[in-house]
Amino acid sequence: MTPFHRAAIYFMPSVTTPLGRFGASWLGRDAEGGPVAARPPVPGLDDAALHRLTAEPRRYGFHATLRAPFMAADVLDAQALATAIRRLAATLAPVTLDDGLSVRRIGSFLALVPASPSSALTELAAAIVAGTDDLRRPLSADDRARRIARGRLDARHTALLDRWGYPYVMDAFRFHMTLTGPLTDMAGAEAVEEALPGLARRAGATGASVIIDRIAIAVEPAPGAAFRLHLQIPLGHPTEG
């Protein structure tokens, strides 16, 4: 693995699947660096407006967060980080979302979320957070203060932040694949909210089961740079050595 500023553990569906193709075309970017299909149109909005509406999630690539971006522990080099995550993935079983995903609003943004609750998915995410905790560098005091100020965290979320380095984990975890930035006071928000469920359905991104059978290591090459997919690791496959 090449040097990087931060790493994250995501679920990133392949662009060979309907879900992955839709996500890449909607955001206008494939985190693997390949070409993407044209973004599906939204009545009343031009592509420039949609590009602005999707700017924030585009930087991270189409994904669901399983371990939020972190700086690697000082004792680890890049190869050791990947090896440790491979070993963890070998102990974890795939999860199937039988009812697939649906488009819903979460706070100020739109995302694809499980159509039905899945305790197995929550357990998978918790195992990944716990199993990678020794791989991350502890939050600095400045990072902690910024996170608390930005998220307006309550006592429970602050406790999770202090323990695991991120506030939306364990019982506060919610699987979601972000489709827009904040829609508050943004031109075109209503049109996007009305159009997205139909666009996702016609693309095959909703209405079909989803199998989470792999996890991805995504890296941020430099502060503020776009995250890119580095490695896909299958779940439940023993590693050698």
C-alpha atoms as a PDB file:
ATOM      1  CA  MET A   1       0.000   0.000   0.000  1.00  0.00           C
ATOM      2  CA  THR A   2       1.287   3.466  -0.843  1.00  0.00           C
ATOM      3  CA  PRO A   3       1.623   6.094   1.918  1.00  0.00           C
ATOM      4  CA  PHE A   4      -1.620   7.745   3.009  1.00  0.00           C
ATOM      5  CA  HIS A   5      -2.932  10.294   5.455  1.00  0.00           C
ATOM      6  CA  ARG A   6      -5.932   8.314   6.744  1.00  0.00           C
ATOM      7  CA  ALA A   7      -7.543   4.948   6.107  1.00  0.00           C
ATOM      8  CA  ALA A   8     -11.147   3.815   6.487  1.00  0.00           C
ATOM      9  CA  ILE A   9     -13.018   0.519   6.339  1.00  0.00           C
ATOM     10  CA  TYR A  10     -16.054   0.676   4.101  1.00  0.00           C
ATOM     11  CA  PHE A  11     -18.510  -1.467   2.238  1.00  0.00           C
ATOM     12  CA  MET A  12     -17.998  -0.389  -1.390  1.00  0.00           C
ATOM     13  CA  PRO A  13     -20.046  -2.356  -3.911  1.00  0.00           C
ATOM     14  CA  SER A  14     -18.364  -3.106  -7.215  1.00  0.00           C
ATOM     15  CA  VAL A  15     -19.376  -0.998 -10.199  1.00  0.00           C
ATOM     16  CA  THR A  16     -20.143  -4.308 -11.919  1.00  0.00           C
ATOM     17  CA  THR A  17     -23.285  -4.529  -9.720  1.00  0.00           C
ATOM     18  CA  PRO A  18     -26.438  -2.431 -10.165  1.00  0.00           C
ATOM     19  CA  LEU A  19     -25.948  -0.891  -6.715  1.00  0.00           C
ATOM     20  CA  GLY A  20     -22.343   0.060  -7.391  1.00  0.00           C
ATOM     21  CA  ARG A  21     -23.090   1.385 -10.871  1.00  0.00           C
ATOM     22  CA  PHE A  22     -25.907   3.560  -9.591  1.00  0.00           C
ATOM     23  CA  GLY A  23     -23.836   4.975  -6.735  1.00  0.00           C
ATOM     24  CA  ALA A  24     -20.853   5.812  -8.937  1.00  0.00           C
ATOM     25  CA  SER A  25     -22.966   7.408 -11.664  1.00  0.00           C
ATOM     26  CA  TRP A  26     -25.056   9.395  -9.174  1.00  0.00           C
ATOM     27  CA  LEU A  27     -22.010  10.763  -7.359  1.00  0.00           C
ATOM     28  CA  GLY A  28     -20.089  11.193 -10.607  1.00  0.00           C
ATOM     29  CA  ARG A  29     -17.045   9.258  -9.436  1.00  0.00           C
ATOM     30  CA  ASP A  30     -15.734   5.709  -9.192  1.00  0.00           C
ATOM     31  CA  ALA A  31     -13.366   5.418  -6.213  1.00  0.00           C
ATOM     32  CA  GLU A  32     -11.413   2.801  -8.177  1.00  0.00           C
ATOM     33  CA  GLY A  33     -10.634   5.431 -10.804  1.00  0.00           C
ATOM     34  CA  GLY A  34     -12.638   3.941 -13.662  1.00  0.00           C
ATOM     35  CA  PRO A  35     -15.119   5.705 -15.937  1.00  0.00           C
ATOM     36  CA  VAL A  36     -18.696   6.171 -14.785  1.00  0.00           C
ATOM     37  CA  ALA A  37     -21.983   6.347 -16.632  1.00  0.00           C
ATOM     38  CA  ALA A  38     -23.750   9.672 -16.988  1.00  0.00           C
ATOM     39  CA  ARG A  39     -25.619  10.812 -13.888  1.00  0.00           C
ATOM     40  CA  PRO A  40     -29.354  10.107 -14.184  1.00  0.00           C
ATOM     41  CA  PRO A  41     -31.259  13.357 -14.756  1.00  0.00           C
ATOM     42  CA  VAL A  42     -33.468  15.063 -12.197  1.00  0.00           C
ATOM     43  CA  PRO A  43     -36.272  17.169 -13.702  1.00  0.00           C
ATOM     44  CA  GLY A  44     -35.619  20.875 -13.292  1.00  0.00           C
ATOM     45  CA  LEU A  45     -31.943  20.556 -12.320  1.00  0.00           C
ATOM     46  CA  ASP A  46     -28.881  20.707 -14.549  1.00  0.00           C
ATOM     47  CA  ASP A  47     -25.796  18.569 -14.026  1.00  0.00           C
ATOM     48  CA  ALA A  48     -23.874  21.438 -12.419  1.00  0.00           C
ATOM     49  CA  ALA A  49     -26.503  21.710  -9.669  1.00  0.00           C
ATOM     50  CA  LEU A  50     -26.455  17.962  -9.094  1.00  0.00           C
ATOM     51  CA  HIS A  51     -22.665  18.054  -8.997  1.00  0.00           C
ATOM     52  CA  ARG A  52     -22.847  20.570  -6.156  1.00  0.00           C
ATOM     53  CA  LEU A  53     -25.495  18.550  -4.308  1.00  0.00           C
ATOM     54  CA  THR A  54     -23.284  15.453  -4.400  1.00  0.00           C
ATOM     55  CA  ALA A  55     -19.928  17.154  -3.744  1.00  0.00           C
ATOM     56  CA  GLU A  56     -19.523  16.039  -0.131  1.00  0.00           C
ATOM     57  CA  PRO A  57     -20.196  12.293  -0.552  1.00  0.00           C
ATOM     58  CA  ARG A  58     -18.271  12.246  -3.854  1.00  0.00           C
ATOM     59  CA  ARG A  59     -14.992  12.890  -2.022  1.00  0.00           C
ATOM     60  CA  TYR A  60     -15.389   9.650  -0.070  1.00  0.00           C
ATOM     61  CA  GLY A  61     -16.698   7.511  -2.932  1.00  0.00           C
ATOM     62  CA  PHE A  62     -19.932   5.520  -2.858  1.00  0.00           C
ATOM     63  CA  HIS A  63     -19.763   3.551   0.377  1.00  0.00           C
ATOM     64  CA  ALA A  64     -21.164   2.625   3.770  1.00  0.00           C
ATOM     65  CA  THR A  65     -18.860   3.343   6.705  1.00  0.00           C
ATOM     66  CA  LEU A  66     -17.881   0.402   8.902  1.00  0.00           C
ATOM     67  CA  ARG A  67     -14.836   2.042  10.525  1.00  0.00           C
ATOM     68  CA  ALA A  68     -14.678   5.788  10.019  1.00  0.00           C
ATOM     69  CA  PRO A  69     -11.470   7.386   8.675  1.00  0.00           C
ATOM     70  CA  PHE A  70      -8.580   7.112  11.107  1.00  0.00           C
ATOM     71  CA  MET A  71      -4.859   7.742  11.243  1.00  0.00           C
ATOM     72  CA  ALA A  72      -2.910   4.506  11.611  1.00  0.00           C
ATOM     73  CA  ALA A  73      -1.083   3.765  14.856  1.00  0.00           C
ATOM     74  CA  ASP A  74       2.555   4.818  14.776  1.00  0.00           C
ATOM     75  CA  VAL A  75       3.793   1.254  15.294  1.00  0.00           C
ATOM     76  CA  LEU A  76       2.119   0.055  12.071  1.00  0.00           C
ATOM     77  CA  ASP A  77       3.330   0.404   8.529  1.00  0.00           C
ATOM     78  CA  ALA A  78       0.889   0.250   5.633  1.00  0.00           C
ATOM     79  CA  GLN A  79       1.461  -3.414   4.904  1.00  0.00           C
ATOM     80  CA  ALA A  80       0.904  -4.390   8.544  1.00  0.00           C
ATOM     81  CA  LEU A  81      -2.357  -2.450   8.562  1.00  0.00           C
ATOM     82  CA  ALA A  82      -3.674  -4.363   5.542  1.00  0.00           C
ATOM     83  CA  THR A  83      -2.520  -7.679   6.986  1.00  0.00           C
ATOM     84  CA  ALA A  84      -4.310  -7.042  10.273  1.00  0.00           C
ATOM     85  CA  ILE A  85      -7.551  -6.153   8.507  1.00  0.00           C
ATOM     86  CA  ARG A  86      -7.300  -9.278   6.342  1.00  0.00           C
ATOM     87  CA  ARG A  87      -6.978 -11.416   9.467  1.00  0.00           C
ATOM     88  CA  LEU A  88     -10.019  -9.789  11.023  1.00  0.00           C
ATOM     89  CA  ALA A  89     -12.079 -10.179   7.842  1.00  0.00           C
ATOM     90  CA  ALA A  90     -11.336 -13.903   7.784  1.00  0.00           C
ATOM     91  CA  THR A  91     -13.178 -14.296  11.104  1.00  0.00           C
ATOM     92  CA  LEU A  92     -16.325 -12.450   9.998  1.00  0.00           C
ATOM     93  CA  ALA A  93     -19.310 -13.882   8.168  1.00  0.00           C
ATOM     94  CA  PRO A  94     -21.066 -12.159   5.255  1.00  0.00           C
ATOM     95  CA  VAL A  95     -24.436 -10.509   5.900  1.00  0.00           C
ATOM     96  CA  THR A  96     -27.398 -10.540   3.509  1.00  0.00           C
ATOM     97  CA  LEU A  97     -29.988  -7.782   3.523  1.00  0.00           C
ATOM     98  CA  ASP A  98     -32.914  -9.752   2.142  1.00  0.00           C
ATOM     99  CA  ASP A  99     -35.115  -6.694   1.667  1.00  0.00           C
ATOM    100  CA  GLY A 100     -32.322  -4.626   0.173  1.00  0.00           C
ATOM    101  CA  LEU A 101     -32.015  -0.870   0.552  1.00  0.00           C
ATOM    102  CA  SER A 102     -34.307   2.120   0.304  1.00  0.00           C
ATOM    103  CA  VAL A 103     -33.773   5.865  -0.087  1.00  0.00           C
ATOM    104  CA  ARG A 104     -34.450   7.787   3.104  1.00  0.00           C
ATOM    105  CA  ARG A 105     -33.620  11.114   4.624  1.00  0.00           C
ATOM    106  CA  ILE A 106     -31.181  11.083   7.551  1.00  0.00           C
ATOM    107  CA  GLY A 107     -31.127  14.498   9.165  1.00  0.00           C
ATOM    108  CA  SER A 108     -30.249  16.896   6.361  1.00  0.00           C
ATOM    109  CA  PHE A 109     -29.078  14.408   3.715  1.00  0.00           C
ATOM    110  CA  LEU A 110     -30.387  11.495   1.641  1.00  0.00           C
ATOM    111  CA  ALA A 111     -28.964   8.001   1.793  1.00  0.00           C
ATOM    112  CA  LEU A 112     -29.619   4.386   0.967  1.00  0.00           C
ATOM    113  CA  VAL A 113     -30.381   2.483   4.180  1.00  0.00           C
ATOM    114  CA  PRO A 114     -31.556  -1.076   4.899  1.00  0.00           C
ATOM    115  CA  ALA A 115     -35.232  -1.483   4.092  1.00  0.00           C
ATOM    116  CA  SER A 116     -35.538  -3.697   7.192  1.00  0.00           C
ATOM    117  CA  PRO A 117     -33.488  -3.729  10.424  1.00  0.00           C
ATOM    118  CA  SER A 118     -30.588  -6.181  10.531  1.00  0.00           C
ATOM    119  CA  SER A 119     -29.040  -7.184  13.847  1.00  0.00           C
ATOM    120  CA  ALA A 120     -26.426  -9.198  11.930  1.00  0.00           C
ATOM    121  CA  LEU A 121     -25.283  -6.040  10.144  1.00  0.00           C
ATOM    122  CA  THR A 122     -25.051  -4.108  13.415  1.00  0.00           C
ATOM    123  CA  GLU A 123     -23.005  -6.954  14.903  1.00  0.00           C
ATOM    124  CA  LEU A 124     -20.695  -7.016  11.878  1.00  0.00           C
ATOM    125  CA  ALA A 125     -20.020  -3.293  12.172  1.00  0.00           C
ATOM    126  CA  ALA A 126     -19.399  -3.589  15.918  1.00  0.00           C
ATOM    127  CA  ALA A 127     -16.937  -6.445  15.373  1.00  0.00           C
ATOM    128  CA  ILE A 128     -15.031  -4.380  12.810  1.00  0.00           C
ATOM    129  CA  VAL A 129     -14.837  -1.356  15.111  1.00  0.00           C
ATOM    130  CA  ALA A 130     -13.679  -3.450  18.078  1.00  0.00           C
ATOM    131  CA  GLY A 131     -11.325  -5.568  15.978  1.00  0.00           C
ATOM    132  CA  THR A 132      -9.529  -2.572  14.461  1.00  0.00           C
ATOM    133  CA  ASP A 133      -9.312  -0.345  17.525  1.00  0.00           C
ATOM    134  CA  ASP A 134      -5.637  -1.092  18.088  1.00  0.00           C
ATOM    135  CA  LEU A 135      -4.840  -0.057  14.507  1.00  0.00           C
ATOM    136  CA  ARG A 136      -5.767   3.596  14.955  1.00  0.00           C
ATOM    137  CA  ARG A 137      -3.887   6.488  16.441  1.00  0.00           C
ATOM    138  CA  PRO A 138      -5.815   8.017  19.391  1.00  0.00           C
ATOM    139  CA  LEU A 139      -7.687  11.233  18.670  1.00  0.00           C
ATOM    140  CA  SER A 140      -5.750  14.370  19.474  1.00  0.00           C
ATOM    141  CA  ALA A 141      -7.328  16.880  21.838  1.00  0.00           C
ATOM    142  CA  ASP A 142      -7.926  19.230  18.895  1.00  0.00           C
ATOM    143  CA  ASP A 143      -9.587  16.508  16.809  1.00  0.00           C
ATOM    144  CA  ARG A 144     -11.801  15.537  19.732  1.00  0.00           C
ATOM    145  CA  ALA A 145     -12.870  19.142  20.311  1.00  0.00           C
ATOM    146  CA  ARG A 146     -13.646  19.665  16.610  1.00  0.00           C
ATOM    147  CA  ARG A 147     -15.710  16.475  16.466  1.00  0.00           C
ATOM    148  CA  ILE A 148     -17.748  17.408  19.528  1.00  0.00           C
ATOM    149  CA  ALA A 149     -18.364  20.943  18.257  1.00  0.00           C
ATOM    150  CA  ARG A 150     -19.306  19.818  14.748  1.00  0.00           C
ATOM    151  CA  GLY A 151     -21.595  16.993  15.839  1.00  0.00           C
ATOM    152  CA  ARG A 152     -23.185  18.661  18.861  1.00  0.00           C
ATOM    153  CA  LEU A 153     -22.780  15.333  20.627  1.00  0.00           C
ATOM    154  CA  ASP A 154     -24.730  14.213  23.656  1.00  0.00           C
ATOM    155  CA  ALA A 155     -23.152  12.331  26.565  1.00  0.00           C
ATOM    156  CA  ARG A 156     -23.610   8.887  24.987  1.00  0.00           C
ATOM    157  CA  HIS A 157     -22.061   9.874  21.673  1.00  0.00           C
ATOM    158  CA  THR A 158     -19.195  11.620  23.451  1.00  0.00           C
ATOM    159  CA  ALA A 159     -18.513   8.441  25.416  1.00  0.00           C
ATOM    160  CA  LEU A 160     -18.436   6.417  22.189  1.00  0.00           C
ATOM    161  CA  LEU A 161     -16.099   8.972  20.620  1.00  0.00           C
ATOM    162  CA  ASP A 162     -13.710   8.706  23.562  1.00  0.00           C
ATOM    163  CA  ARG A 163     -13.771   4.904  23.590  1.00  0.00           C
ATOM    164  CA  TRP A 164     -13.753   4.097  19.874  1.00  0.00           C
ATOM    165  CA  GLY A 165     -12.623   7.284  18.114  1.00  0.00           C
ATOM    166  CA  TYR A 166     -16.003   7.899  16.465  1.00  0.00           C
ATOM    167  CA  PRO A 167     -19.425   8.701  17.956  1.00  0.00           C
ATOM    168  CA  TYR A 168     -21.726   6.693  15.669  1.00  0.00           C
ATOM    169  CA  VAL A 169     -20.698   3.142  16.450  1.00  0.00           C
ATOM    170  CA  MET A 170     -21.996   0.139  18.415  1.00  0.00           C
ATOM    171  CA  ASP A 171     -25.571   0.901  19.541  1.00  0.00           C
ATOM    172  CA  ALA A 172     -25.404   4.267  17.716  1.00  0.00           C
ATOM    173  CA  PHE A 173     -24.409   2.695  14.381  1.00  0.00           C
ATOM    174  CA  ARG A 174     -26.669   3.201  11.378  1.00  0.00           C
ATOM    175  CA  PHE A 175     -25.689   1.647   8.056  1.00  0.00           C
ATOM    176  CA  HIS A 176     -26.128   4.179   5.271  1.00  0.00           C
ATOM    177  CA  MET A 177     -24.760   4.950   1.831  1.00  0.00           C
ATOM    178  CA  THR A 178     -24.774   8.722   1.479  1.00  0.00           C
ATOM    179  CA  LEU A 179     -26.211  10.186  -1.731  1.00  0.00           C
ATOM    180  CA  THR A 180     -26.221  13.943  -1.073  1.00  0.00           C
ATOM    181  CA  GLY A 181     -24.624  16.610   1.014  1.00  0.00           C
ATOM    182  CA  PRO A 182     -26.781  18.662   3.403  1.00  0.00           C
ATOM    183  CA  LEU A 183     -29.973  19.684   1.617  1.00  0.00           C
ATOM    184  CA  THR A 184     -30.910  22.489   3.995  1.00  0.00           C
ATOM    185  CA  ASP A 185     -31.457  25.724   2.074  1.00  0.00           C
ATOM    186  CA  MET A 186     -29.902  24.190  -1.060  1.00  0.00           C
ATOM    187  CA  ALA A 187     -31.509  24.868  -4.432  1.00  0.00           C
ATOM    188  CA  GLY A 188     -33.005  21.740  -5.941  1.00  0.00           C
ATOM    189  CA  ALA A 189     -33.296  19.841  -2.684  1.00  0.00           C
ATOM    190  CA  GLU A 190     -37.004  19.120  -3.085  1.00  0.00           C
ATOM    191  CA  ALA A 191     -36.592  17.884  -6.642  1.00  0.00           C
ATOM    192  CA  VAL A 192     -33.781  15.531  -5.650  1.00  0.00           C
ATOM    193  CA  GLU A 193     -35.709  14.166  -2.676  1.00  0.00           C
ATOM    194  CA  GLU A 194     -38.693  13.451  -4.906  1.00  0.00           C
ATOM    195  CA  ALA A 195     -36.702  11.916  -7.786  1.00  0.00           C
ATOM    196  CA  LEU A 196     -34.078   9.771  -6.052  1.00  0.00           C
ATOM    197  CA  PRO A 197     -36.261   6.830  -4.927  1.00  0.00           C
ATOM    198  CA  GLY A 198     -37.470   6.276  -8.497  1.00  0.00           C
ATOM    199  CA  LEU A 199     -33.998   6.692  -9.988  1.00  0.00           C
ATOM    200  CA  ALA A 200     -32.540   4.163  -7.556  1.00  0.00           C
ATOM    201  CA  ARG A 201     -35.343   1.688  -8.174  1.00  0.00           C
ATOM    202  CA  ARG A 202     -35.044   1.872 -11.958  1.00  0.00           C
ATOM    203  CA  ALA A 203     -31.273   1.398 -11.703  1.00  0.00           C
ATOM    204  CA  GLY A 204     -31.713  -1.760  -9.614  1.00  0.00           C
ATOM    205  CA  ALA A 205     -30.108  -0.218  -6.529  1.00  0.00           C
ATOM    206  CA  THR A 206     -33.252  -0.883  -4.477  1.00  0.00           C
ATOM    207  CA  GLY A 207     -35.796  -3.688  -4.534  1.00  0.00           C
ATOM    208  CA  ALA A 208     -33.217  -6.491  -4.523  1.00  0.00           C
ATOM    209  CA  SER A 209     -31.245  -8.221  -1.765  1.00  0.00           C
ATOM    210  CA  VAL A 210     -27.752  -6.952  -0.973  1.00  0.00           C
ATOM    211  CA  ILE A 211     -24.909  -9.188   0.186  1.00  0.00           C
ATOM    212  CA  ILE A 212     -22.165  -7.629   2.293  1.00  0.00           C
ATOM    213  CA  ASP A 213     -19.499 -10.233   1.637  1.00  0.00           C
ATOM    214  CA  ARG A 214     -16.421  -8.012   1.581  1.00  0.00           C
ATOM    215  CA  ILE A 215     -14.946  -4.952   3.207  1.00  0.00           C
ATOM    216  CA  ALA A 216     -12.868  -2.283   1.543  1.00  0.00           C
ATOM    217  CA  ILE A 217      -9.819  -0.387   2.678  1.00  0.00           C
ATOM    218  CA  ALA A 218     -10.130   3.158   1.358  1.00  0.00           C
ATOM    219  CA  VAL A 219      -7.347   5.679   1.748  1.00  0.00           C
ATOM    220  CA  GLU A 220      -7.053   9.449   1.811  1.00  0.00           C
ATOM    221  CA  PRO A 221      -3.670  10.083   0.146  1.00  0.00           C
ATOM    222  CA  ALA A 222      -3.273  13.576   1.640  1.00  0.00           C
ATOM    223  CA  PRO A 223      -5.377  15.786   3.930  1.00  0.00           C
ATOM    224  CA  GLY A 224      -8.515  16.813   2.087  1.00  0.00           C
ATOM    225  CA  ALA A 225      -7.867  14.584  -0.932  1.00  0.00           C
ATOM    226  CA  ALA A 226     -10.536  12.318  -2.372  1.00  0.00           C
ATOM    227  CA  PHE A 227     -10.635   8.847  -0.842  1.00  0.00           C
ATOM    228  CA  ARG A 228      -9.822   6.013  -3.212  1.00  0.00           C
ATOM    229  CA  LEU A 229     -10.403   2.318  -2.990  1.00  0.00           C
ATOM    230  CA  HIS A 230      -7.181   0.482  -2.255  1.00  0.00           C
ATOM    231  CA  LEU A 231      -8.186  -3.076  -1.446  1.00  0.00           C
ATOM    232  CA  GLN A 232     -11.309  -5.247  -1.313  1.00  0.00           C
ATOM    233  CA  ILE A 233     -11.105  -8.049   1.271  1.00  0.00           C
ATOM    234  CA  PRO A 234     -13.624 -10.934   1.299  1.00  0.00           C
ATOM    235  CA  LEU A 235     -15.285 -11.863   4.579  1.00  0.00           C
ATOM    236  CA  GLY A 236     -14.908 -15.366   5.955  1.00  0.00           C
ATOM    237  CA  HIS A 237     -11.903 -16.367   3.846  1.00  0.00           C
ATOM    238  CA  PRO A 238      -8.961 -17.726   5.889  1.00  0.00           C
ATOM    239  CA  THR A 239      -5.664 -15.979   5.271  1.00  0.00           C
ATOM    240  CA  GLU A 240      -2.365 -17.726   4.790  1.00  0.00           C
ATOM    241  CA  GLY A 241       0.327 -17.611   7.402  1.00  0.00           C
END
